[in-house]
Amino acid sequence: MSAANSMTMRADIERDAQMGTDAWGHAKEAAWAGVAFGVPCLAYASAKREAVAAGGGGAASIRAAVLEDIRIMMPLGTDVTEKDRIVRVKDRAGALLFPGPFNVEGVQRRRDHLELIVTKAAA
């Protein structure tokens, strides 16, 4: 099955319309504006376990943390960059599957699709 056939979800993309810096040289507060709506996609999450030291020392203090890795596949040619964010991902009927927003951390070009590496953003 090709990547395009598996893109049964729809995503909305926003881009920061605010450019430049303020009078003090700091980046201006983000002003998100819609770039694309209903973009075909496939979002998926995979859980990974990582050992984390909880303090106190010794083997008994090591705990397992579960990290969620979220990826989104989109068609080649989609206008999306690392400065964008995904507002939400819905199914074709409009049911919310992944509430956002998600910051786009990376865009990887594959043979037949784009793969976005995203992280949950503060709302």
PDB file of N, CA and C in Angstrom:
ATOM      1  N   MET A   1       0.852  -1.175   0.000  1.00  0.00           N
ATOM      2  CA  MET A   1       0.000   0.000   0.000  1.00  0.00           C
ATOM      3  C   MET A   1       0.899   1.239   0.000  1.00  0.00           C
ATOM      4  N   SER A   2       0.565   2.199  -0.838  1.00  0.00           N
ATOM      5  CA  SER A   2       1.360   3.421  -0.877  1.00  0.00           C
ATOM      6  C   SER A   2       1.021   4.319   0.303  1.00  0.00           C
ATOM      7  N   ALA A   3       1.907   5.244   0.581  1.00  0.00           N
ATOM      8  CA  ALA A   3       1.702   6.164   1.702  1.00  0.00           C
ATOM      9  C   ALA A   3       0.448   7.009   1.482  1.00  0.00           C
ATOM     10  N   ALA A   4       0.205   7.420   0.250  1.00  0.00           N
ATOM     11  CA  ALA A   4      -0.955   8.269  -0.037  1.00  0.00           C
ATOM     12  C   ALA A   4      -2.270   7.564   0.300  1.00  0.00           C
ATOM     13  N   ASN A   5      -2.338   6.260   0.071  1.00  0.00           N
ATOM     14  CA  ASN A   5      -3.563   5.516   0.364  1.00  0.00           C
ATOM     15  C   ASN A   5      -3.815   5.377   1.851  1.00  0.00           C
ATOM     16  N   SER A   6      -2.780   5.460   2.665  1.00  0.00           N
ATOM     17  CA  SER A   6      -2.951   5.306   4.107  1.00  0.00           C
ATOM     18  C   SER A   6      -3.245   6.635   4.817  1.00  0.00           C
ATOM     19  N   MET A   7      -3.208   7.737   4.103  1.00  0.00           N
ATOM     20  CA  MET A   7      -3.449   9.050   4.712  1.00  0.00           C
ATOM     21  C   MET A   7      -4.948   9.308   4.807  1.00  0.00           C
ATOM     22  N   THR A   8      -5.562   8.713   5.822  1.00  0.00           N
ATOM     23  CA  THR A   8      -7.015   8.794   5.983  1.00  0.00           C
ATOM     24  C   THR A   8      -7.433   9.874   6.972  1.00  0.00           C
ATOM     25  N   MET A   9      -6.481  10.586   7.527  1.00  0.00           N
ATOM     26  CA  MET A   9      -6.778  11.645   8.498  1.00  0.00           C
ATOM     27  C   MET A   9      -6.571  13.006   7.839  1.00  0.00           C
ATOM     28  N   ARG A  10      -7.005  14.060   8.526  1.00  0.00           N
ATOM     29  CA  ARG A  10      -6.880  15.418   8.004  1.00  0.00           C
ATOM     30  C   ARG A  10      -6.277  16.317   9.069  1.00  0.00           C
ATOM     31  N   ALA A  11      -5.310  17.157   8.667  1.00  0.00           N
ATOM     32  CA  ALA A  11      -4.621  18.042   9.614  1.00  0.00           C
ATOM     33  C   ALA A  11      -4.777  19.497   9.200  1.00  0.00           C
ATOM     34  N   ASP A  12      -4.747  20.378  10.195  1.00  0.00           N
ATOM     35  CA  ASP A  12      -4.749  21.820   9.966  1.00  0.00           C
ATOM     36  C   ASP A  12      -3.383  22.355  10.373  1.00  0.00           C
ATOM     37  N   ILE A  13      -2.786  23.177   9.498  1.00  0.00           N
ATOM     38  CA  ILE A  13      -1.436  23.695   9.720  1.00  0.00           C
ATOM     39  C   ILE A  13      -1.493  25.202   9.931  1.00  0.00           C
ATOM     40  N   GLU A  14      -0.742  25.676  10.927  1.00  0.00           N
ATOM     41  CA  GLU A  14      -0.616  27.112  11.185  1.00  0.00           C
ATOM     42  C   GLU A  14       0.852  27.506  11.107  1.00  0.00           C
ATOM     43  N   ARG A  15       1.083  28.782  10.752  1.00  0.00           N
ATOM     44  CA  ARG A  15       2.439  29.335  10.689  1.00  0.00           C
ATOM     45  C   ARG A  15       2.459  30.641  11.465  1.00  0.00           C
ATOM     46  N   ASP A  16       3.578  30.899  12.129  1.00  0.00           N
ATOM     47  CA  ASP A  16       3.739  32.135  12.889  1.00  0.00           C
ATOM     48  C   ASP A  16       3.851  33.297  11.904  1.00  0.00           C
ATOM     49  N   ALA A  17       2.875  34.204  11.934  1.00  0.00           N
ATOM     50  CA  ALA A  17       2.860  35.346  11.027  1.00  0.00           C
ATOM     51  C   ALA A  17       3.679  36.513  11.564  1.00  0.00           C
ATOM     52  N   GLN A  18       4.101  36.427  12.792  1.00  0.00           N
ATOM     53  CA  GLN A  18       4.865  37.495  13.440  1.00  0.00           C
ATOM     54  C   GLN A  18       6.341  37.383  13.052  1.00  0.00           C
ATOM     55  N   MET A  19       6.906  38.448  12.545  1.00  0.00           N
ATOM     56  CA  MET A  19       8.313  38.444  12.145  1.00  0.00           C
ATOM     57  C   MET A  19       9.074  39.488  12.949  1.00  0.00           C
ATOM     58  N   GLY A  20      10.365  39.317  13.042  1.00  0.00           N
ATOM     59  CA  GLY A  20      11.223  40.321  13.651  1.00  0.00           C
ATOM     60  C   GLY A  20      11.262  40.254  15.167  1.00  0.00           C
ATOM     61  N   THR A  21      11.773  41.337  15.745  1.00  0.00           N
ATOM     62  CA  THR A  21      11.944  41.415  17.192  1.00  0.00           C
ATOM     63  C   THR A  21      11.296  42.683  17.725  1.00  0.00           C
ATOM     64  N   ASP A  22      11.106  42.723  19.047  1.00  0.00           N
ATOM     65  CA  ASP A  22      10.548  43.922  19.669  1.00  0.00           C
ATOM     66  C   ASP A  22      11.666  44.952  19.903  1.00  0.00           C
ATOM     67  N   ALA A  23      11.345  46.034  20.580  1.00  0.00           N
ATOM     68  CA  ALA A  23      12.301  47.117  20.820  1.00  0.00           C
ATOM     69  C   ALA A  23      13.504  46.650  21.643  1.00  0.00           C
ATOM     70  N   TRP A  24      13.360  45.572  22.391  1.00  0.00           N
ATOM     71  CA  TRP A  24      14.439  45.074  23.239  1.00  0.00           C
ATOM     72  C   TRP A  24      15.238  43.957  22.576  1.00  0.00           C
ATOM     73  N   GLY A  25      14.899  43.629  21.342  1.00  0.00           N
ATOM     74  CA  GLY A  25      15.626  42.594  20.629  1.00  0.00           C
ATOM     75  C   GLY A  25      15.124  41.183  20.879  1.00  0.00           C
ATOM     76  N   HIS A  26      14.017  41.036  21.582  1.00  0.00           N
ATOM     77  CA  HIS A  26      13.447  39.713  21.843  1.00  0.00           C
ATOM     78  C   HIS A  26      12.474  39.351  20.721  1.00  0.00           C
ATOM     79  N   ALA A  27      12.323  38.070  20.506  1.00  0.00           N
ATOM     80  CA  ALA A  27      11.363  37.615  19.500  1.00  0.00           C
ATOM     81  C   ALA A  27       9.958  38.022  19.921  1.00  0.00           C
ATOM     82  N   LYS A  28       9.176  38.480  18.962  1.00  0.00           N
ATOM     83  CA  LYS A  28       7.797  38.871  19.255  1.00  0.00           C
ATOM     84  C   LYS A  28       6.961  37.641  19.580  1.00  0.00           C
ATOM     85  N   GLU A  29       5.893  37.850  20.333  1.00  0.00           N
ATOM     86  CA  GLU A  29       4.991  36.756  20.680  1.00  0.00           C
ATOM     87  C   GLU A  29       4.357  36.199  19.409  1.00  0.00           C
ATOM     88  N   ALA A  30       4.239  34.900  19.354  1.00  0.00           N
ATOM     89  CA  ALA A  30       3.718  34.233  18.157  1.00  0.00           C
ATOM     90  C   ALA A  30       2.296  34.681  17.842  1.00  0.00           C
ATOM     91  N   ALA A  31       2.045  34.884  16.559  1.00  0.00           N
ATOM     92  CA  ALA A  31       0.702  35.187  16.062  1.00  0.00           C
ATOM     93  C   ALA A  31       0.396  34.153  14.984  1.00  0.00           C
ATOM     94  N   TRP A  32      -0.227  33.056  15.387  1.00  0.00           N
ATOM     95  CA  TRP A  32      -0.448  31.937  14.484  1.00  0.00           C
ATOM     96  C   TRP A  32      -1.574  32.223  13.510  1.00  0.00           C
ATOM     97  N   ALA A  33      -1.320  31.918  12.229  1.00  0.00           N
ATOM     98  CA  ALA A  33      -2.317  32.095  11.179  1.00  0.00           C
ATOM     99  C   ALA A  33      -2.409  30.805  10.376  1.00  0.00           C
ATOM    100  N   GLY A  34      -3.611  30.456   9.959  1.00  0.00           N
ATOM    101  CA  GLY A  34      -3.823  29.235   9.192  1.00  0.00           C
ATOM    102  C   GLY A  34      -3.134  29.268   7.846  1.00  0.00           C
ATOM    103  N   VAL A  35      -2.454  28.170   7.505  1.00  0.00           N
ATOM    104  CA  VAL A  35      -1.765  28.035   6.222  1.00  0.00           C
ATOM    105  C   VAL A  35      -2.504  27.047   5.334  1.00  0.00           C
ATOM    106  N   ALA A  36      -2.903  25.919   5.917  1.00  0.00           N
ATOM    107  CA  ALA A  36      -3.600  24.876   5.162  1.00  0.00           C
ATOM    108  C   ALA A  36      -4.559  24.147   6.085  1.00  0.00           C
ATOM    109  N   PHE A  37      -5.699  23.770   5.537  1.00  0.00           N
ATOM    110  CA  PHE A  37      -6.724  23.086   6.320  1.00  0.00           C
ATOM    111  C   PHE A  37      -7.136  21.804   5.604  1.00  0.00           C
ATOM    112  N   GLY A  38      -7.369  20.752   6.384  1.00  0.00           N
ATOM    113  CA  GLY A  38      -7.808  19.484   5.805  1.00  0.00           C
ATOM    114  C   GLY A  38      -6.755  18.793   4.970  1.00  0.00           C
ATOM    115  N   VAL A  39      -5.481  18.931   5.354  1.00  0.00           N
ATOM    116  CA  VAL A  39      -4.384  18.293   4.618  1.00  0.00           C
ATOM    117  C   VAL A  39      -4.407  16.791   4.910  1.00  0.00           C
ATOM    118  N   PRO A  40      -4.409  15.946   3.864  1.00  0.00           N
ATOM    119  CA  PRO A  40      -4.388  14.498   4.097  1.00  0.00           C
ATOM    120  C   PRO A  40      -3.142  14.095   4.889  1.00  0.00           C
ATOM    121  N   CYS A  41      -3.321  13.216   5.856  1.00  0.00           N
ATOM    122  CA  CYS A  41      -2.181  12.804   6.681  1.00  0.00           C
ATOM    123  C   CYS A  41      -2.476  11.473   7.355  1.00  0.00           C
ATOM    124  N   LEU A  42      -1.448  10.957   8.018  1.00  0.00           N
ATOM    125  CA  LEU A  42      -1.577   9.798   8.890  1.00  0.00           C
ATOM    126  C   LEU A  42      -0.734  10.097  10.118  1.00  0.00           C
ATOM    127  N   ALA A  43      -1.381  10.257  11.250  1.00  0.00           N
ATOM    128  CA  ALA A  43      -0.680  10.514  12.511  1.00  0.00           C
ATOM    129  C   ALA A  43      -0.647   9.229  13.318  1.00  0.00           C
ATOM    130  N   TYR A  44       0.480   8.983  13.943  1.00  0.00           N
ATOM    131  CA  TYR A  44       0.595   7.786  14.774  1.00  0.00           C
ATOM    132  C   TYR A  44       1.549   8.062  15.921  1.00  0.00           C
ATOM    133  N   ALA A  45       1.333   7.352  16.992  1.00  0.00           N
ATOM    134  CA  ALA A  45       2.171   7.491  18.181  1.00  0.00           C
ATOM    135  C   ALA A  45       2.721   6.124  18.554  1.00  0.00           C
ATOM    136  N   SER A  46       3.951   6.131  19.007  1.00  0.00           N
ATOM    137  CA  SER A  46       4.544   4.898  19.514  1.00  0.00           C
ATOM    138  C   SER A  46       5.115   5.185  20.895  1.00  0.00           C
ATOM    139  N   ALA A  47       4.935   4.253  21.786  1.00  0.00           N
ATOM    140  CA  ALA A  47       5.423   4.416  23.153  1.00  0.00           C
ATOM    141  C   ALA A  47       6.794   3.768  23.275  1.00  0.00           C
ATOM    142  N   LYS A  48       7.688   4.445  23.977  1.00  0.00           N
ATOM    143  CA  LYS A  48       9.024   3.923  24.226  1.00  0.00           C
ATOM    144  C   LYS A  48       9.292   4.008  25.716  1.00  0.00           C
ATOM    145  N   ARG A  49       9.996   3.044  26.236  1.00  0.00           N
ATOM    146  CA  ARG A  49      10.356   3.052  27.657  1.00  0.00           C
ATOM    147  C   ARG A  49      11.808   3.486  27.804  1.00  0.00           C
ATOM    148  N   GLU A  50      12.040   4.257  28.846  1.00  0.00           N
ATOM    149  CA  GLU A  50      13.385   4.737  29.129  1.00  0.00           C
ATOM    150  C   GLU A  50      13.623   4.665  30.625  1.00  0.00           C
ATOM    151  N   ALA A  51      14.787   4.173  31.024  1.00  0.00           N
ATOM    152  CA  ALA A  51      15.119   4.081  32.443  1.00  0.00           C
ATOM    153  C   ALA A  51      15.487   5.466  32.969  1.00  0.00           C
ATOM    154  N   VAL A  52      14.885   5.841  34.082  1.00  0.00           N
ATOM    155  CA  VAL A  52      15.120   7.150  34.688  1.00  0.00           C
ATOM    156  C   VAL A  52      15.451   6.942  36.158  1.00  0.00           C
ATOM    157  N   ALA A  53      16.515   7.563  36.621  1.00  0.00           N
ATOM    158  CA  ALA A  53      16.881   7.477  38.033  1.00  0.00           C
ATOM    159  C   ALA A  53      15.969   8.392  38.831  1.00  0.00           C
ATOM    160  N   ALA A  54      15.277   7.836  39.810  1.00  0.00           N
ATOM    161  CA  ALA A  54      14.322   8.605  40.607  1.00  0.00           C
ATOM    162  C   ALA A  54      14.956   9.209  41.846  1.00  0.00           C
ATOM    163  N   GLY A  55      16.232   8.982  42.052  1.00  0.00           N
ATOM    164  CA  GLY A  55      16.921   9.543  43.212  1.00  0.00           C
ATOM    165  C   GLY A  55      17.105   8.513  44.305  1.00  0.00           C
ATOM    166  N   GLY A  56      17.954   8.817  45.249  1.00  0.00           N
ATOM    167  CA  GLY A  56      18.178   7.924  46.366  1.00  0.00           C
ATOM    168  C   GLY A  56      19.310   6.944  46.134  1.00  0.00           C
ATOM    169  N   GLY A  57      19.581   6.607  44.888  1.00  0.00           N
ATOM    170  CA  GLY A  57      20.684   5.702  44.582  1.00  0.00           C
ATOM    171  C   GLY A  57      20.262   4.247  44.633  1.00  0.00           C
ATOM    172  N   GLY A  58      21.051   3.409  44.017  1.00  0.00           N
ATOM    173  CA  GLY A  58      20.783   1.975  44.013  1.00  0.00           C
ATOM    174  C   GLY A  58      19.830   1.573  42.913  1.00  0.00           C
ATOM    175  N   ALA A  59      19.774   0.272  42.670  1.00  0.00           N
ATOM    176  CA  ALA A  59      18.918  -0.262  41.607  1.00  0.00           C
ATOM    177  C   ALA A  59      17.439  -0.052  41.888  1.00  0.00           C
ATOM    178  N   ALA A  60      17.056   0.028  43.162  1.00  0.00           N
ATOM    179  CA  ALA A  60      15.642   0.189  43.515  1.00  0.00           C
ATOM    180  C   ALA A  60      15.113   1.565  43.134  1.00  0.00           C
ATOM    181  N   SER A  61      15.981   2.543  42.912  1.00  0.00           N
ATOM    182  CA  SER A  61      15.520   3.895  42.612  1.00  0.00           C
ATOM    183  C   SER A  61      15.340   4.142  41.122  1.00  0.00           C
ATOM    184  N   ILE A  62      15.647   3.161  40.294  1.00  0.00           N
ATOM    185  CA  ILE A  62      15.489   3.333  38.850  1.00  0.00           C
ATOM    186  C   ILE A  62      14.058   2.982  38.453  1.00  0.00           C
ATOM    187  N   ARG A  63      13.421   3.888  37.758  1.00  0.00           N
ATOM    188  CA  ARG A  63      12.040   3.715  37.303  1.00  0.00           C
ATOM    189  C   ARG A  63      12.018   3.754  35.779  1.00  0.00           C
ATOM    190  N   ALA A  64      10.923   3.299  35.220  1.00  0.00           N
ATOM    191  CA  ALA A  64      10.750   3.346  33.770  1.00  0.00           C
ATOM    192  C   ALA A  64       9.779   4.465  33.429  1.00  0.00           C
ATOM    193  N   ALA A  65      10.199   5.328  32.538  1.00  0.00           N
ATOM    194  CA  ALA A  65       9.323   6.392  32.055  1.00  0.00           C
ATOM    195  C   ALA A  65       8.846   6.013  30.656  1.00  0.00           C
ATOM    196  N   VAL A  66       7.588   6.287  30.352  1.00  0.00           N
ATOM    197  CA  VAL A  66       7.044   5.999  29.036  1.00  0.00           C
ATOM    198  C   VAL A  66       6.995   7.308  28.251  1.00  0.00           C
ATOM    199  N   LEU A  67       7.688   7.325  27.136  1.00  0.00           N
ATOM    200  CA  LEU A  67       7.732   8.495  26.274  1.00  0.00           C
ATOM    201  C   LEU A  67       6.894   8.229  25.031  1.00  0.00           C
ATOM    202  N   GLU A  68       6.151   9.210  24.608  1.00  0.00           N
ATOM    203  CA  GLU A  68       5.326   9.058  23.412  1.00  0.00           C
ATOM    204  C   GLU A  68       5.984   9.784  22.259  1.00  0.00           C
ATOM    205  N   ASP A  69       6.242   9.066  21.192  1.00  0.00           N
ATOM    206  CA  ASP A  69       6.849   9.610  19.985  1.00  0.00           C
ATOM    207  C   ASP A  69       5.749   9.765  18.946  1.00  0.00           C
ATOM    208  N   ILE A  70       5.464  10.999  18.528  1.00  0.00           N
ATOM    209  CA  ILE A  70       4.373  11.252  17.590  1.00  0.00           C
ATOM    210  C   ILE A  70       4.956  11.651  16.237  1.00  0.00           C
ATOM    211  N   ARG A  71       4.486  11.004  15.201  1.00  0.00           N
ATOM    212  CA  ARG A  71       4.899  11.297  13.824  1.00  0.00           C
ATOM    213  C   ARG A  71       3.653  11.522  12.982  1.00  0.00           C
ATOM    214  N   ILE A  72       3.801  12.334  11.949  1.00  0.00           N
ATOM    215  CA  ILE A  72       2.694  12.603  11.030  1.00  0.00           C
ATOM    216  C   ILE A  72       3.225  12.502   9.602  1.00  0.00           C
ATOM    217  N   MET A  73       2.588  11.669   8.801  1.00  0.00           N
ATOM    218  CA  MET A  73       2.933  11.548   7.383  1.00  0.00           C
ATOM    219  C   MET A  73       2.029  12.476   6.586  1.00  0.00           C
ATOM    220  N   MET A  74       2.617  13.187   5.609  1.00  0.00           N
ATOM    221  CA  MET A  74       1.863  14.068   4.717  1.00  0.00           C
ATOM    222  C   MET A  74       2.361  13.875   3.291  1.00  0.00           C
ATOM    223  N   PRO A  75       1.550  14.254   2.310  1.00  0.00           N
ATOM    224  CA  PRO A  75       1.968  14.094   0.909  1.00  0.00           C
ATOM    225  C   PRO A  75       3.180  14.959   0.574  1.00  0.00           C
ATOM    226  N   LEU A  76       3.987  14.482  -0.377  1.00  0.00           N
ATOM    227  CA  LEU A  76       5.079  15.304  -0.895  1.00  0.00           C
ATOM    228  C   LEU A  76       4.494  16.600  -1.451  1.00  0.00           C
ATOM    229  N   GLY A  77       5.200  17.680  -1.296  1.00  0.00           N
ATOM    230  CA  GLY A  77       4.731  18.960  -1.812  1.00  0.00           C
ATOM    231  C   GLY A  77       3.893  19.757  -0.835  1.00  0.00           C
ATOM    232  N   THR A  78       3.603  19.204   0.331  1.00  0.00           N
ATOM    233  CA  THR A  78       2.844  19.935   1.344  1.00  0.00           C
ATOM    234  C   THR A  78       3.697  21.082   1.868  1.00  0.00           C
ATOM    235  N   ASP A  79       3.109  22.273   1.969  1.00  0.00           N
ATOM    236  CA  ASP A  79       3.819  23.455   2.462  1.00  0.00           C
ATOM    237  C   ASP A  79       3.869  23.408   3.983  1.00  0.00           C
ATOM    238  N   VAL A  80       4.921  22.793   4.525  1.00  0.00           N
ATOM    239  CA  VAL A  80       5.090  22.684   5.977  1.00  0.00           C
ATOM    240  C   VAL A  80       6.579  22.797   6.286  1.00  0.00           C
ATOM    241  N   THR A  81       6.911  23.562   7.341  1.00  0.00           N
ATOM    242  CA  THR A  81       8.304  23.765   7.735  1.00  0.00           C
ATOM    243  C   THR A  81       8.445  23.536   9.237  1.00  0.00           C
ATOM    244  N   GLU A  82       9.682  23.614   9.721  1.00  0.00           N
ATOM    245  CA  GLU A  82       9.941  23.461  11.148  1.00  0.00           C
ATOM    246  C   GLU A  82       9.412  24.632  11.975  1.00  0.00           C
ATOM    247  N   LYS A  83       8.987  25.698  11.317  1.00  0.00           N
ATOM    248  CA  LYS A  83       8.451  26.863  12.025  1.00  0.00           C
ATOM    249  C   LYS A  83       6.924  26.806  12.155  1.00  0.00           C
ATOM    250  N   ASP A  84       6.328  25.724  11.689  1.00  0.00           N
ATOM    251  CA  ASP A  84       4.874  25.575  11.707  1.00  0.00           C
ATOM    252  C   ASP A  84       4.423  24.770  12.908  1.00  0.00           C
ATOM    253  N   ARG A  85       3.114  24.682  13.053  1.00  0.00           N
ATOM    254  CA  ARG A  85       2.537  23.783  14.045  1.00  0.00           C
ATOM    255  C   ARG A  85       1.271  23.172  13.473  1.00  0.00           C
ATOM    256  N   ILE A  86       0.983  21.963  13.944  1.00  0.00           N
ATOM    257  CA  ILE A  86      -0.230  21.246  13.553  1.00  0.00           C
ATOM    258  C   ILE A  86      -1.259  21.520  14.639  1.00  0.00           C
ATOM    259  N   VAL A  87      -2.382  22.119  14.260  1.00  0.00           N
ATOM    260  CA  VAL A  87      -3.387  22.525  15.234  1.00  0.00           C
ATOM    261  C   VAL A  87      -4.161  21.322  15.752  1.00  0.00           C
ATOM    262  N   ARG A  88      -4.568  20.442  14.850  1.00  0.00           N
ATOM    263  CA  ARG A  88      -5.360  19.269  15.226  1.00  0.00           C
ATOM    264  C   ARG A  88      -5.303  18.261  14.083  1.00  0.00           C
ATOM    265  N   VAL A  89      -5.602  17.010  14.425  1.00  0.00           N
ATOM    266  CA  VAL A  89      -5.725  15.960  13.419  1.00  0.00           C
ATOM    267  C   VAL A  89      -7.085  15.305  13.630  1.00  0.00           C
ATOM    268  N   LYS A  90      -7.862  15.230  12.543  1.00  0.00           N
ATOM    269  CA  LYS A  90      -9.202  14.644  12.593  1.00  0.00           C
ATOM    270  C   LYS A  90      -9.291  13.498  11.597  1.00  0.00           C
ATOM    271  N   ASP A  91     -10.331  12.680  11.762  1.00  0.00           N
ATOM    272  CA  ASP A  91     -10.581  11.676  10.736  1.00  0.00           C
ATOM    273  C   ASP A  91     -11.406  12.332   9.627  1.00  0.00           C
ATOM    274  N   ARG A  92     -11.707  11.575   8.578  1.00  0.00           N
ATOM    275  CA  ARG A  92     -12.436  12.152   7.441  1.00  0.00           C
ATOM    276  C   ARG A  92     -13.818  12.656   7.809  1.00  0.00           C
ATOM    277  N   ALA A  93     -14.424  12.053   8.836  1.00  0.00           N
ATOM    278  CA  ALA A  93     -15.766  12.460   9.265  1.00  0.00           C
ATOM    279  C   ALA A  93     -15.730  13.679  10.173  1.00  0.00           C
ATOM    280  N   GLY A  94     -14.538  14.125  10.574  1.00  0.00           N
ATOM    281  CA  GLY A  94     -14.419  15.307  11.409  1.00  0.00           C
ATOM    282  C   GLY A  94     -14.241  15.037  12.892  1.00  0.00           C
ATOM    283  N   ALA A  95     -14.144  13.770  13.286  1.00  0.00           N
ATOM    284  CA  ALA A  95     -13.934  13.439  14.701  1.00  0.00           C
ATOM    285  C   ALA A  95     -12.484  13.733  15.084  1.00  0.00           C
ATOM    286  N   LEU A  96     -12.299  14.401  16.198  1.00  0.00           N
ATOM    287  CA  LEU A  96     -10.964  14.781  16.660  1.00  0.00           C
ATOM    288  C   LEU A  96     -10.199  13.549  17.155  1.00  0.00           C
ATOM    289  N   LEU A  97      -9.030  13.288  16.564  1.00  0.00           N
ATOM    290  CA  LEU A  97      -8.209  12.143  16.935  1.00  0.00           C
ATOM    291  C   LEU A  97      -7.003  12.552  17.784  1.00  0.00           C
ATOM    292  N   PHE A  98      -6.313  13.608  17.371  1.00  0.00           N
ATOM    293  CA  PHE A  98      -5.145  14.123  18.082  1.00  0.00           C
ATOM    294  C   PHE A  98      -5.344  15.618  18.314  1.00  0.00           C
ATOM    295  N   PRO A  99      -5.763  16.014  19.531  1.00  0.00           N
ATOM    296  CA  PRO A  99      -5.898  17.448  19.792  1.00  0.00           C
ATOM    297  C   PRO A  99      -4.506  18.063  19.906  1.00  0.00           C
ATOM    298  N   GLY A 100      -4.317  19.181  19.306  1.00  0.00           N
ATOM    299  CA  GLY A 100      -3.007  19.833  19.317  1.00  0.00           C
ATOM    300  C   GLY A 100      -2.965  20.939  20.337  1.00  0.00           C
ATOM    301  N   PRO A 101      -2.126  21.877  20.135  1.00  0.00           N
ATOM    302  CA  PRO A 101      -1.231  21.991  18.984  1.00  0.00           C
ATOM    303  C   PRO A 101       0.051  21.182  19.160  1.00  0.00           C
ATOM    304  N   PHE A 102       0.673  20.843  18.008  1.00  0.00           N
ATOM    305  CA  PHE A 102       1.941  20.136  17.975  1.00  0.00           C
ATOM    306  C   PHE A 102       2.954  20.997  17.226  1.00  0.00           C
ATOM    307  N   ASN A 103       4.111  21.225  17.809  1.00  0.00           N
ATOM    308  CA  ASN A 103       5.191  21.935  17.121  1.00  0.00           C
ATOM    309  C   ASN A 103       5.891  20.972  16.174  1.00  0.00           C
ATOM    310  N   VAL A 104       6.178  21.448  14.971  1.00  0.00           N
ATOM    311  CA  VAL A 104       6.914  20.638  14.002  1.00  0.00           C
ATOM    312  C   VAL A 104       8.402  20.796  14.314  1.00  0.00           C
ATOM    313  N   GLU A 105       9.034  19.719  14.748  1.00  0.00           N
ATOM    314  CA  GLU A 105      10.450  19.742  15.115  1.00  0.00           C
ATOM    315  C   GLU A 105      11.349  19.385  13.938  1.00  0.00           C
ATOM    316  N   GLY A 106      10.811  18.625  12.996  1.00  0.00           N
ATOM    317  CA  GLY A 106      11.601  18.234  11.830  1.00  0.00           C
ATOM    318  C   GLY A 106      10.710  17.745  10.704  1.00  0.00           C
ATOM    319  N   VAL A 107      11.178  17.938   9.478  1.00  0.00           N
ATOM    320  CA  VAL A 107      10.470  17.460   8.288  1.00  0.00           C
ATOM    321  C   VAL A 107      11.442  16.584   7.519  1.00  0.00           C
ATOM    322  N   GLN A 108      11.117  15.296   7.408  1.00  0.00           N
ATOM    323  CA  GLN A 108      11.969  14.355   6.697  1.00  0.00           C
ATOM    324  C   GLN A 108      11.300  13.958   5.388  1.00  0.00           C
ATOM    325  N   ARG A 109      12.049  14.083   4.307  1.00  0.00           N
ATOM    326  CA  ARG A 109      11.522  13.703   2.999  1.00  0.00           C
ATOM    327  C   ARG A 109      11.786  12.220   2.786  1.00  0.00           C
ATOM    328  N   ARG A 110      10.738  11.491   2.499  1.00  0.00           N
ATOM    329  CA  ARG A 110      10.829  10.070   2.175  1.00  0.00           C
ATOM    330  C   ARG A 110      10.573   9.910   0.678  1.00  0.00           C
ATOM    331  N   ARG A 111      10.633   8.689   0.198  1.00  0.00           N
ATOM    332  CA  ARG A 111      10.455   8.431  -1.233  1.00  0.00           C
ATOM    333  C   ARG A 111       9.106   8.896  -1.745  1.00  0.00           C
ATOM    334  N   ASP A 112       8.037   8.650  -0.962  1.00  0.00           N
ATOM    335  CA  ASP A 112       6.701   8.979  -1.450  1.00  0.00           C
ATOM    336  C   ASP A 112       5.874   9.818  -0.482  1.00  0.00           C
ATOM    337  N   HIS A 113       6.509  10.402   0.556  1.00  0.00           N
ATOM    338  CA  HIS A 113       5.765  11.240   1.500  1.00  0.00           C
ATOM    339  C   HIS A 113       6.728  12.063   2.357  1.00  0.00           C
ATOM    340  N   LEU A 114       6.181  12.993   3.110  1.00  0.00           N
ATOM    341  CA  LEU A 114       6.925  13.730   4.121  1.00  0.00           C
ATOM    342  C   LEU A 114       6.602  13.139   5.476  1.00  0.00           C
ATOM    343  N   GLU A 115       7.589  13.051   6.348  1.00  0.00           N
ATOM    344  CA  GLU A 115       7.345  12.574   7.703  1.00  0.00           C
ATOM    345  C   GLU A 115       7.708  13.692   8.670  1.00  0.00           C
ATOM    346  N   LEU A 116       6.723  14.125   9.461  1.00  0.00           N
ATOM    347  CA  LEU A 116       6.924  15.203  10.422  1.00  0.00           C
ATOM    348  C   LEU A 116       7.194  14.622  11.796  1.00  0.00           C
ATOM    349  N   ILE A 117       8.210  15.161  12.450  1.00  0.00           N
ATOM    350  CA  ILE A 117       8.484  14.818  13.844  1.00  0.00           C
ATOM    351  C   ILE A 117       7.885  15.961  14.648  1.00  0.00           C
ATOM    352  N   VAL A 118       6.936  15.649  15.522  1.00  0.00           N
ATOM    353  CA  VAL A 118       6.228  16.694  16.254  1.00  0.00           C
ATOM    354  C   VAL A 118       6.291  16.453  17.756  1.00  0.00           C
ATOM    355  N   THR A 119       6.149  17.550  18.508  1.00  0.00           N
ATOM    356  CA  THR A 119       6.059  17.480  19.972  1.00  0.00           C
ATOM    357  C   THR A 119       4.853  18.294  20.400  1.00  0.00           C
ATOM    358  N   LYS A 120       4.239  17.869  21.479  1.00  0.00           N
ATOM    359  CA  LYS A 120       3.074  18.575  22.004  1.00  0.00           C
ATOM    360  C   LYS A 120       3.500  19.967  22.458  1.00  0.00           C
ATOM    361  N   ALA A 121       2.757  20.983  22.033  1.00  0.00           N
ATOM    362  CA  ALA A 121       3.067  22.367  22.376  1.00  0.00           C
ATOM    363  C   ALA A 121       2.185  22.834  23.516  1.00  0.00           C
ATOM    364  N   ALA A 122       2.651  23.830  24.227  1.00  0.00           N
ATOM    365  CA  ALA A 122       1.817  24.450  25.248  1.00  0.00           C
ATOM    366  C   ALA A 122       0.720  25.218  24.540  1.00  0.00           C
ATOM    367  N   ALA A 123      -0.504  25.030  24.980  1.00  0.00           N
ATOM    368  CA  ALA A 123      -1.645  25.689  24.322  1.00  0.00           C
ATOM    369  C   ALA A 123      -1.649  27.128  24.633  1.00  0.00           C
TER     370      ALA A 123
END
